[in-house]
């Protein structure tokens, strides 16, 4: 089996909020919106910035969150729900023993999730490329294929051989 690791950039920011959550407006929000309106060409972004400026000038002191942000209590759960849905759509099934371990029996693929790091053991490299391409349609992926570093352990692939190295601390 081959082993790859991918990392999802800013994972918690991908989670969708399923309840009403408000936050105080960020300190420089008004200045940033004004800069967008002044410097950007007419797009959906400038239209949204104008609308937000209008609300801020009307006295709004809070912002409604549409997506999770770091430090939000439910951000981890929201991220996992979004990733879980994406992995299931790709034909992967979570194991009964651990909801962070997925498999695709027909393609001999095993996938382990730890927050934003995904470790994949597989036989068919073309299948993994397809899986990574599909995930990249929904998330920004930093790919560290064929080498996994985790604390004092490393897994690497060279000339068709896969090796695990582990340092023992005393």
Protein backbone atom coordinates (compact mmCIF):
# COMPACT_ATOMS: atom_id res chain seq x y z
CA UNK A 1 0.00 0.00 0.00
CA UNK A 2 1.05 3.57 -0.65
CA UNK A 3 0.68 6.37 1.87
CA UNK A 4 -0.06 10.05 1.28
CA UNK A 5 -0.94 12.97 3.48
CA UNK A 6 -2.89 16.08 2.61
CA UNK A 7 -3.55 19.13 4.71
CA UNK A 8 -6.69 21.26 4.39
CA UNK A 9 -5.85 24.97 4.69
CA UNK A 10 -7.85 26.98 7.26
CA UNK A 11 -10.11 23.99 7.91
CA UNK A 12 -12.38 25.54 10.54
CA UNK A 13 -13.27 28.40 8.19
CA UNK A 14 -14.95 25.84 5.91
CA UNK A 15 -17.61 24.89 8.44
CA UNK A 16 -21.14 26.19 7.87
CA UNK A 17 -23.10 27.66 10.80
CA UNK A 18 -26.43 25.97 11.47
CA UNK A 19 -27.72 28.44 14.10
CA UNK A 20 -27.84 32.23 14.40
CA UNK A 21 -24.50 33.52 15.70
CA UNK A 22 -23.58 37.19 15.98
CA UNK A 23 -20.27 38.83 16.77
CA UNK A 24 -19.10 42.37 17.40
CA UNK A 25 -17.97 44.01 14.20
CA UNK A 26 -14.21 43.76 13.65
CA UNK A 27 -12.30 46.96 14.41
CA UNK A 28 -11.21 47.77 10.86
CA UNK A 29 -14.26 46.42 9.03
CA UNK A 30 -15.54 49.82 7.91
CA UNK A 31 -12.12 50.90 6.59
CA UNK A 32 -11.66 47.61 4.73
CA UNK A 33 -15.09 47.85 3.10
CA UNK A 34 -14.47 51.46 2.06
CA UNK A 35 -11.15 50.43 0.50
CA UNK A 36 -12.86 47.61 -1.45
CA UNK A 37 -15.51 49.98 -2.79
CA UNK A 38 -12.89 52.60 -3.73
CA UNK A 39 -10.33 50.34 -5.41
CA UNK A 40 -12.13 47.31 -6.87
CA UNK A 41 -13.94 47.06 -10.19
CA UNK A 42 -17.70 46.60 -10.09
CA UNK A 43 -18.28 42.99 -9.03
CA UNK A 44 -20.44 41.05 -6.61
CA UNK A 45 -17.79 41.81 -3.99
CA UNK A 46 -18.11 45.58 -4.34
CA UNK A 47 -21.90 45.29 -4.25
CA UNK A 48 -21.72 43.28 -1.02
CA UNK A 49 -19.23 45.77 0.44
CA UNK A 50 -21.59 48.68 -0.36
CA UNK A 51 -24.50 46.86 1.27
CA UNK A 52 -22.46 46.13 4.40
CA UNK A 53 -21.29 49.76 4.57
CA UNK A 54 -24.90 50.89 4.37
CA UNK A 55 -25.81 48.63 7.29
CA UNK A 56 -22.83 49.83 9.32
CA UNK A 57 -23.65 53.47 8.64
CA UNK A 58 -27.23 52.73 9.70
CA UNK A 59 -26.00 51.84 13.16
CA UNK A 60 -25.43 48.08 13.04
CA UNK A 61 -22.93 47.13 15.74
CA UNK A 62 -22.83 43.36 15.19
CA UNK A 63 -22.28 40.98 12.28
CA UNK A 64 -24.06 37.71 11.62
CA UNK A 65 -21.74 34.78 10.96
CA UNK A 66 -22.50 32.66 7.92
CA UNK A 67 -19.49 30.39 8.35
CA UNK A 68 -17.50 29.18 11.32
CA UNK A 69 -14.45 31.09 12.54
CA UNK A 70 -11.60 30.02 14.80
CA UNK A 71 -12.44 30.22 18.54
CA UNK A 72 -16.12 29.60 17.85
CA UNK A 73 -17.19 26.74 20.12
CA UNK A 74 -18.83 24.67 17.41
CA UNK A 75 -16.22 25.36 14.70
CA UNK A 76 -14.60 21.91 14.99
CA UNK A 77 -17.92 20.10 14.79
CA UNK A 78 -19.08 22.22 11.84
CA UNK A 79 -15.81 21.53 10.01
CA UNK A 80 -16.08 17.78 10.62
CA UNK A 81 -19.70 17.73 9.39
CA UNK A 82 -18.70 19.49 6.16
CA UNK A 83 -15.71 17.20 5.53
CA UNK A 84 -17.76 14.11 6.45
CA UNK A 85 -20.40 15.05 3.88
CA UNK A 86 -17.74 15.60 1.19
CA UNK A 87 -16.00 12.27 1.91
CA UNK A 88 -19.27 10.33 1.87
CA UNK A 89 -20.16 11.97 -1.45
CA UNK A 90 -16.87 10.56 -2.79
CA UNK A 91 -17.91 7.05 -1.79
CA UNK A 92 -16.01 6.76 1.49
CA UNK A 93 -17.67 5.25 4.56
CA UNK A 94 -16.79 6.08 8.18
CA UNK A 95 -15.98 3.05 10.32
CA UNK A 96 -18.25 2.10 13.22
CA UNK A 97 -15.29 2.18 15.61
CA UNK A 98 -14.07 5.70 14.78
CA UNK A 99 -15.91 8.43 12.83
CA UNK A 100 -12.56 9.90 11.75
CA UNK A 101 -11.50 6.74 9.88
CA UNK A 102 -13.03 6.17 6.44
CA UNK A 103 -12.69 3.36 3.93
CA UNK A 104 -13.60 2.44 0.39
CA UNK A 105 -13.54 -1.34 0.39
CA UNK A 106 -13.89 -1.68 -3.37
CA UNK A 107 -10.84 0.49 -4.04
CA UNK A 108 -8.74 -0.66 -1.05
CA UNK A 109 -8.52 2.85 0.37
CA UNK A 110 -8.23 3.80 4.04
CA UNK A 111 -8.43 7.45 5.08
CA UNK A 112 -7.73 8.87 8.57
CA UNK A 113 -8.72 12.42 9.57
CA UNK A 114 -7.13 14.42 12.39
CA UNK A 115 -8.60 17.94 12.37
CA UNK A 116 -7.22 19.26 9.04
CA UNK A 117 -4.68 16.52 8.30
CA UNK A 118 -5.73 13.53 6.22
CA UNK A 119 -3.61 10.39 5.98
CA UNK A 120 -4.48 8.08 3.08
CA UNK A 121 -3.37 4.48 2.59
CA UNK A 122 -4.19 3.18 -0.89
CA UNK A 123 -3.24 0.88 -3.74
CA UNK A 124 -4.47 2.81 -6.78
CA UNK A 125 -2.67 6.11 -7.28
CA UNK A 126 -5.12 7.25 -9.98
CA UNK A 127 -8.00 6.86 -7.52
CA UNK A 128 -6.20 9.01 -4.93
CA UNK A 129 -5.48 11.73 -7.50
CA UNK A 130 -9.21 11.74 -8.35
CA UNK A 131 -10.11 11.92 -4.64
CA UNK A 132 -7.70 14.83 -4.09
CA UNK A 133 -9.03 16.65 -7.17
CA UNK A 134 -12.61 16.28 -5.94
CA UNK A 135 -11.69 17.50 -2.44
CA UNK A 136 -9.84 20.46 -4.00
CA UNK A 137 -13.12 21.58 -5.58
CA UNK A 138 -14.46 22.29 -2.07
CA UNK A 139 -11.34 23.00 0.01
CA UNK A 140 -7.88 24.51 -0.39
CA UNK A 141 -5.46 21.58 -0.13
CA UNK A 142 -1.78 21.70 0.73
CA UNK A 143 -0.44 18.41 -0.59
CA UNK A 144 2.42 16.63 1.15
CA UNK A 145 2.14 13.43 -0.85
CA UNK A 146 4.44 10.50 -0.09
CA UNK A 147 5.93 11.97 3.06
CA UNK A 148 4.25 12.16 6.41
CA UNK A 149 5.81 13.89 9.39
CA UNK A 150 4.04 13.76 12.73
CA UNK A 151 5.96 14.66 15.86
CA UNK A 152 8.69 12.05 16.24
CA UNK A 153 7.46 9.74 13.46
CA UNK A 154 7.91 9.95 9.72
CA UNK A 155 6.65 7.86 6.85
CA UNK A 156 8.37 8.18 3.50
CA UNK A 157 8.29 6.54 0.08
CA UNK A 158 11.41 5.99 -1.99
CA UNK A 159 11.76 3.78 -5.07
CA UNK A 160 8.53 1.92 -4.35
CA UNK A 161 9.37 1.21 -0.69
CA UNK A 162 7.45 2.75 2.19
CA UNK A 163 9.23 3.12 5.53
CA UNK A 164 8.26 4.24 9.03
CA UNK A 165 10.83 5.87 11.27
CA UNK A 166 10.16 6.59 14.93
CA UNK A 167 12.39 8.16 17.58
CA UNK A 168 11.96 6.95 21.13
CA UNK A 169 12.15 9.58 23.86
CA UNK A 170 13.57 8.65 27.24
